[in-house]
């Protein structure tokens, strides 16, 4: 039996939160809303030179466990200023209730 896990995660300076969704479409819709809402705080430079302490990573994980034991995983992500962690967390918690 194939199992699918669709989630959104945020991580910054050791703080981590995640939310699971029943399907990829619902997860993608909320991920899109978050990226639009927080676009002014996005960090475009995703190079190794960016100071980790100023990064909040938002990711949308699609994990598909196949019957043959193989795993297919896609994890698009965006970076934001780390000082937005609490605001982003509050926004996701409020919006997640709709899904």
C-alpha atoms as a PDB file:
ATOM      1  CA  UNK A   1       0.000   0.000   0.000  1.00  0.00           C
ATOM      2  CA  UNK A   2       1.270   3.459  -0.912  1.00  0.00           C
ATOM      3  CA  UNK A   3       1.333   6.059   1.848  1.00  0.00           C
ATOM      4  CA  UNK A   4       1.511   9.807   1.287  1.00  0.00           C
ATOM      5  CA  UNK A   5       2.443  12.519   3.743  1.00  0.00           C
ATOM      6  CA  UNK A   6       1.905  16.169   2.886  1.00  0.00           C
ATOM      7  CA  UNK A   7       3.133  18.780   5.336  1.00  0.00           C
ATOM      8  CA  UNK A   8       4.336  22.299   5.907  1.00  0.00           C
ATOM      9  CA  UNK A   9       7.264  22.882   8.239  1.00  0.00           C
ATOM     10  CA  UNK A  10       9.016  25.913   9.631  1.00  0.00           C
ATOM     11  CA  UNK A  11      12.400  25.831  11.311  1.00  0.00           C
ATOM     12  CA  UNK A  12      14.599  28.578  12.698  1.00  0.00           C
ATOM     13  CA  UNK A  13      17.358  28.545  15.300  1.00  0.00           C
ATOM     14  CA  UNK A  14      16.284  25.194  16.741  1.00  0.00           C
ATOM     15  CA  UNK A  15      12.564  26.027  16.792  1.00  0.00           C
ATOM     16  CA  UNK A  16      10.440  23.682  14.681  1.00  0.00           C
ATOM     17  CA  UNK A  17       6.736  23.329  13.914  1.00  0.00           C
ATOM     18  CA  UNK A  18       4.874  21.226  11.346  1.00  0.00           C
ATOM     19  CA  UNK A  19       1.348  20.705  10.041  1.00  0.00           C
ATOM     20  CA  UNK A  20       0.019  17.718   8.078  1.00  0.00           C
ATOM     21  CA  UNK A  21      -2.604  17.890   5.337  1.00  0.00           C
ATOM     22  CA  UNK A  22      -5.031  15.358   3.907  1.00  0.00           C
ATOM     23  CA  UNK A  23      -3.907  16.119   0.346  1.00  0.00           C
ATOM     24  CA  UNK A  24      -1.296  17.942  -1.669  1.00  0.00           C
ATOM     25  CA  UNK A  25      -3.719  20.532  -3.033  1.00  0.00           C
ATOM     26  CA  UNK A  26      -4.731  21.809   0.414  1.00  0.00           C
ATOM     27  CA  UNK A  27      -1.095  21.971   1.501  1.00  0.00           C
ATOM     28  CA  UNK A  28      -0.081  23.806  -1.694  1.00  0.00           C
ATOM     29  CA  UNK A  29      -2.894  26.329  -1.255  1.00  0.00           C
ATOM     30  CA  UNK A  30      -1.763  27.256   2.253  1.00  0.00           C
ATOM     31  CA  UNK A  31       1.923  27.286   1.242  1.00  0.00           C
ATOM     32  CA  UNK A  32       1.058  29.749  -1.544  1.00  0.00           C
ATOM     33  CA  UNK A  33      -0.923  31.959   0.870  1.00  0.00           C
ATOM     34  CA  UNK A  34       2.024  32.044   3.293  1.00  0.00           C
ATOM     35  CA  UNK A  35       4.557  32.935   0.595  1.00  0.00           C
ATOM     36  CA  UNK A  36       2.332  35.753  -0.657  1.00  0.00           C
ATOM     37  CA  UNK A  37       1.614  37.089   2.833  1.00  0.00           C
ATOM     38  CA  UNK A  38       5.286  37.123   3.909  1.00  0.00           C
ATOM     39  CA  UNK A  39       6.911  37.991   0.573  1.00  0.00           C
ATOM     40  CA  UNK A  40       8.391  41.236   1.903  1.00  0.00           C
ATOM     41  CA  UNK A  41      10.463  39.214   4.423  1.00  0.00           C
ATOM     42  CA  UNK A  42      11.758  36.659   1.902  1.00  0.00           C
ATOM     43  CA  UNK A  43      15.478  36.041   1.549  1.00  0.00           C
ATOM     44  CA  UNK A  44      16.223  35.521  -2.131  1.00  0.00           C
ATOM     45  CA  UNK A  45      19.883  34.569  -1.677  1.00  0.00           C
ATOM     46  CA  UNK A  46      19.887  30.863  -0.790  1.00  0.00           C
ATOM     47  CA  UNK A  47      23.660  30.488  -0.954  1.00  0.00           C
ATOM     48  CA  UNK A  48      25.859  28.881   1.669  1.00  0.00           C
ATOM     49  CA  UNK A  49      27.148  32.352   2.595  1.00  0.00           C
ATOM     50  CA  UNK A  50      23.895  33.402   4.290  1.00  0.00           C
ATOM     51  CA  UNK A  51      24.130  33.528   8.088  1.00  0.00           C
ATOM     52  CA  UNK A  52      21.996  30.635   9.424  1.00  0.00           C
ATOM     53  CA  UNK A  53      20.961  32.648  12.461  1.00  0.00           C
ATOM     54  CA  UNK A  54      18.935  35.039  10.289  1.00  0.00           C
ATOM     55  CA  UNK A  55      17.039  32.342   8.372  1.00  0.00           C
ATOM     56  CA  UNK A  56      13.565  30.939   8.897  1.00  0.00           C
ATOM     57  CA  UNK A  57      12.944  28.062   6.495  1.00  0.00           C
ATOM     58  CA  UNK A  58       9.417  27.323   5.305  1.00  0.00           C
ATOM     59  CA  UNK A  59       9.074  24.033   3.431  1.00  0.00           C
ATOM     60  CA  UNK A  60       6.299  22.027   1.807  1.00  0.00           C
ATOM     61  CA  UNK A  61       7.069  18.324   2.010  1.00  0.00           C
ATOM     62  CA  UNK A  62       5.525  15.668  -0.217  1.00  0.00           C
ATOM     63  CA  UNK A  63       6.637  12.244   0.963  1.00  0.00           C
ATOM     64  CA  UNK A  64       5.370   9.242  -0.964  1.00  0.00           C
ATOM     65  CA  UNK A  65       6.206   5.793   0.403  1.00  0.00           C
ATOM     66  CA  UNK A  66       5.698   3.248  -2.357  1.00  0.00           C
ATOM     67  CA  UNK A  67       4.749  -0.416  -2.051  1.00  0.00           C
ATOM     68  CA  UNK A  68       8.186  -1.499  -3.254  1.00  0.00           C
ATOM     69  CA  UNK A  69       9.803   0.356  -0.338  1.00  0.00           C
ATOM     70  CA  UNK A  70      11.074   3.247  -2.435  1.00  0.00           C
ATOM     71  CA  UNK A  71      10.552   6.808  -1.282  1.00  0.00           C
ATOM     72  CA  UNK A  72       9.726   9.774  -3.481  1.00  0.00           C
ATOM     73  CA  UNK A  73      10.244  13.070  -1.684  1.00  0.00           C
ATOM     74  CA  UNK A  74       9.889  16.653  -2.871  1.00  0.00           C
ATOM     75  CA  UNK A  75      10.620  19.573  -0.579  1.00  0.00           C
ATOM     76  CA  UNK A  76      10.305  23.044  -2.081  1.00  0.00           C
ATOM     77  CA  UNK A  77      11.317  25.698   0.416  1.00  0.00           C
ATOM     78  CA  UNK A  78      11.554  29.426   0.959  1.00  0.00           C
ATOM     79  CA  UNK A  79      13.688  31.451   3.358  1.00  0.00           C
ATOM     80  CA  UNK A  80      12.489  34.371   5.452  1.00  0.00           C
ATOM     81  CA  UNK A  81      13.988  36.673   8.056  1.00  0.00           C
ATOM     82  CA  UNK A  82      14.172  34.678  11.304  1.00  0.00           C
ATOM     83  CA  UNK A  83      12.583  37.468  13.349  1.00  0.00           C
ATOM     84  CA  UNK A  84       9.302  36.628  11.558  1.00  0.00           C
ATOM     85  CA  UNK A  85       9.064  33.174  13.208  1.00  0.00           C
ATOM     86  CA  UNK A  86       6.340  34.039  15.737  1.00  0.00           C
ATOM     87  CA  UNK A  87       4.279  35.997  13.193  1.00  0.00           C
ATOM     88  CA  UNK A  88       4.550  33.209  10.630  1.00  0.00           C
ATOM     89  CA  UNK A  89       3.687  30.607  13.276  1.00  0.00           C
ATOM     90  CA  UNK A  90       0.607  32.560  14.352  1.00  0.00           C
ATOM     91  CA  UNK A  91      -0.512  33.044  10.740  1.00  0.00           C
ATOM     92  CA  UNK A  92      -0.133  29.346   9.893  1.00  0.00           C
ATOM     93  CA  UNK A  93      -1.948  28.223  13.058  1.00  0.00           C
ATOM     94  CA  UNK A  94      -4.879  30.527  12.263  1.00  0.00           C
ATOM     95  CA  UNK A  95      -5.075  29.538   8.589  1.00  0.00           C
ATOM     96  CA  UNK A  96      -4.500  25.800   9.191  1.00  0.00           C
ATOM     97  CA  UNK A  97      -7.862  25.548  10.950  1.00  0.00           C
ATOM     98  CA  UNK A  98      -9.505  26.132   7.561  1.00  0.00           C
ATOM     99  CA  UNK A  99      -7.893  23.012   6.135  1.00  0.00           C
END
